[in-house]
Amino acid sequence: MAPQDAQASPPPELLQAQAKMKTDEMTANARMIEAQARQAETQAKIQSGAFAPKQDGPEMGQAAMNASQADLINAETKRSEIGVRHQERMVEDQNRDLDRQSRERVAMLQLARDLVMHPDQAAAVEPLAGPSERKFNEGEGE
C-alpha cells in the first residue's frame, strides 16, 4: 500500500497531461490573437483602398507604351552590337590565320634560301622540313 503522502498527490502522468493541456490552450489562444490581428490589418487595408483596382489614365498607358518602345529599341541595339562584335572576332580569327600562314611561308623561303647556300645540309633538314613543305605546296593549290 502507498504511504499517505503519495495517496494525496496525483500520479505524474496526470500532472504531465494537465501541463500539456495548459500549453496547448495557450498556443491556441496565441494563434487566435494572431488571426484576429491579421483580420484587423486586412480590414484596414481594404478601408484604405489598398486592394482597389488601379486607375490607369491615358497618360499612364502612353508612358507604358513609351517605356516598352524604349526597351524594344534597346534590345535591337544590343542585338546589333553583338552582331558587330561577332563579325569583328571572325575577321580577327581570319587575320590571325593569314598571319600564321604568312610567317610559315617566310620561314620556308628562308629555309629554301639557306639550303641553296648550304646544299650539304639538305639531308639533315629534310625530316624537319618535309611535312611543312608538303603543307606549303598544298596551300599553293588553293
Protein backbone atom coordinates (compact mmCIF):
# COMPACT_ATOMS: atom_id res chain seq x y z
CA MET A 1 0.00 0.00 0.00
CA ALA A 2 1.15 3.56 -0.77
CA PRO A 3 2.03 5.98 2.00
CA GLN A 4 -0.47 8.71 2.96
CA ASP A 5 1.53 11.48 1.23
CA ALA A 6 1.70 9.51 -2.02
CA GLN A 7 -2.03 8.85 -2.00
CA ALA A 8 -2.83 12.57 -1.74
CA SER A 9 -0.67 13.67 -4.74
CA PRO A 10 -1.86 12.90 -8.29
CA PRO A 11 0.20 10.50 -10.45
CA PRO A 12 2.99 12.02 -12.63
CA GLU A 13 1.22 11.02 -15.85
CA LEU A 14 -1.79 13.09 -14.83
CA LEU A 15 0.40 16.08 -14.00
CA GLN A 16 2.14 15.77 -17.37
CA ALA A 17 -1.19 15.57 -19.24
CA GLN A 18 -2.50 18.63 -17.38
CA ALA A 19 0.66 20.62 -18.26
CA LYS A 20 0.36 19.62 -21.93
CA MET A 21 -3.29 20.69 -21.99
CA LYS A 22 -2.36 24.04 -20.49
CA THR A 23 0.40 24.68 -23.09
CA ASP A 24 -1.91 23.60 -25.93
CA GLU A 25 -4.56 26.02 -24.67
CA MET A 26 -2.01 28.86 -24.51
CA THR A 27 -0.82 28.06 -28.07
CA ALA A 28 -4.39 28.07 -29.35
CA ASN A 29 -5.07 31.42 -27.67
CA ALA A 30 -1.92 32.90 -29.23
CA ARG A 31 -2.97 31.70 -32.69
CA MET A 32 -6.42 33.18 -32.19
CA ILE A 33 -4.92 36.56 -31.29
CA GLU A 34 -2.65 36.41 -34.37
CA ALA A 35 -5.58 35.61 -36.64
CA GLN A 36 -7.59 38.50 -35.20
CA ALA A 37 -4.64 40.86 -35.72
CA ARG A 38 -4.28 39.75 -39.37
CA GLN A 39 -8.01 40.21 -39.88
CA ALA A 40 -7.84 43.73 -38.45
CA GLU A 41 -4.84 44.54 -40.69
CA THR A 42 -6.65 43.28 -43.78
CA GLN A 43 -9.76 45.32 -42.89
CA ALA A 44 -7.61 48.42 -42.51
CA LYS A 45 -6.05 47.84 -45.94
CA ILE A 46 -9.46 47.33 -47.51
CA GLN A 47 -10.74 50.58 -45.99
CA SER A 48 -7.68 52.49 -47.16
CA GLY A 49 -8.17 51.23 -50.73
CA ALA A 50 -5.05 49.09 -50.99
CA PHE A 51 -6.97 46.35 -52.79
CA ALA A 52 -8.94 48.66 -55.09
CA PRO A 53 -8.31 48.31 -58.83
CA LYS A 54 -5.76 50.75 -60.15
CA GLN A 55 -6.99 53.56 -62.33
CA ASP A 56 -4.80 53.83 -65.44
CA GLY A 57 -5.43 57.07 -67.20
CA PRO A 58 -4.48 57.77 -70.81
CA GLU A 59 -1.17 59.31 -69.72
CA MET A 60 -0.33 56.12 -67.80
CA GLY A 61 -0.96 53.99 -70.90
CA GLN A 62 1.18 56.30 -73.04
CA ALA A 63 4.03 56.16 -70.53
CA ALA A 64 3.92 52.37 -70.53
CA MET A 65 3.87 52.36 -74.34
CA ASN A 66 6.89 54.68 -74.49
CA ALA A 67 8.78 52.56 -71.97
CA SER A 68 8.13 49.36 -73.90
CA GLN A 69 9.19 51.01 -77.17
CA ALA A 70 12.41 52.18 -75.50
CA ASP A 71 13.03 48.66 -74.22
CA LEU A 72 12.48 47.28 -77.73
CA ILE A 73 14.91 49.79 -79.23
CA ASN A 74 17.49 48.94 -76.55
CA ALA A 75 17.13 45.23 -77.32
CA GLU A 76 17.59 45.86 -81.05
CA THR A 77 20.67 47.99 -80.36
CA LYS A 78 22.16 45.31 -78.14
CA ARG A 79 21.48 42.66 -80.79
CA SER A 80 23.23 44.80 -83.40
CA GLU A 81 26.22 45.36 -81.10
CA ILE A 82 26.54 41.63 -80.52
CA GLY A 83 26.43 41.03 -84.27
CA VAL A 84 29.16 43.60 -84.87
CA ARG A 85 31.36 42.08 -82.14
CA HIS A 86 30.85 38.61 -83.62
CA GLN A 87 31.85 39.84 -87.07
CA GLU A 88 34.93 41.58 -85.63
CA ARG A 89 36.00 38.36 -83.93
CA MET A 90 35.55 36.40 -87.14
CA VAL A 91 37.74 38.90 -89.03
CA GLU A 92 40.36 38.80 -86.26
CA ASP A 93 40.44 34.99 -86.41
CA GLN A 94 40.84 35.07 -90.17
CA ASN A 95 43.63 37.66 -89.92
CA ARG A 96 45.45 35.56 -87.31
CA ASP A 97 45.27 32.53 -89.61
CA LEU A 98 46.60 34.57 -92.53
CA ASP A 99 49.42 35.98 -90.37
CA ARG A 100 50.39 32.48 -89.25
CA GLN A 101 50.40 31.21 -92.84
CA SER A 102 52.49 34.19 -93.92
CA ARG A 103 55.06 33.53 -91.19
CA GLU A 104 55.23 29.86 -92.20
CA ARG A 105 55.82 30.81 -95.85
CA VAL A 106 58.52 33.30 -94.91
CA ALA A 107 60.21 30.63 -92.78
CA MET A 108 60.03 28.13 -95.67
CA LEU A 109 61.50 30.67 -98.08
CA GLN A 110 64.32 31.43 -95.64
CA LEU A 111 64.93 27.70 -95.28
CA ALA A 112 64.99 27.31 -99.06
CA ARG A 113 67.46 30.17 -99.33
CA ASP A 114 69.65 28.61 -96.65
CA LEU A 115 69.53 25.24 -98.43
CA VAL A 116 70.58 26.86 -101.70
CA MET A 117 73.50 28.47 -99.91
CA HIS A 118 74.38 25.27 -97.98
CA PRO A 119 73.26 22.26 -100.07
CA ASP A 120 75.32 19.87 -97.94
CA GLN A 121 72.82 20.40 -95.02
CA ALA A 122 69.73 19.30 -97.01
CA ALA A 123 69.82 15.73 -95.64
CA ALA A 124 69.82 16.97 -92.05
CA VAL A 125 66.90 19.35 -92.62
CA GLU A 126 64.70 17.00 -94.71
CA PRO A 127 62.95 15.21 -91.76
CA LEU A 128 62.05 18.58 -90.25
CA ALA A 129 61.15 20.45 -93.41
CA GLY A 130 59.30 17.66 -95.26
CA PRO A 131 55.90 17.98 -93.55
CA SER A 132 55.98 21.78 -93.71
CA GLU A 133 56.96 21.69 -97.37
CA ARG A 134 54.02 19.42 -98.22
CA LYS A 135 51.68 21.72 -96.31
CA PHE A 136 53.15 24.73 -98.10
CA ASN A 137 52.67 23.07 -101.51
CA GLU A 138 49.06 22.14 -100.65
CA GLY A 139 48.42 25.80 -99.76
CA GLU A 140 49.64 26.83 -103.22
CA GLY A 141 46.80 24.87 -104.82
CA GLU A 142 44.12 26.90 -103.04
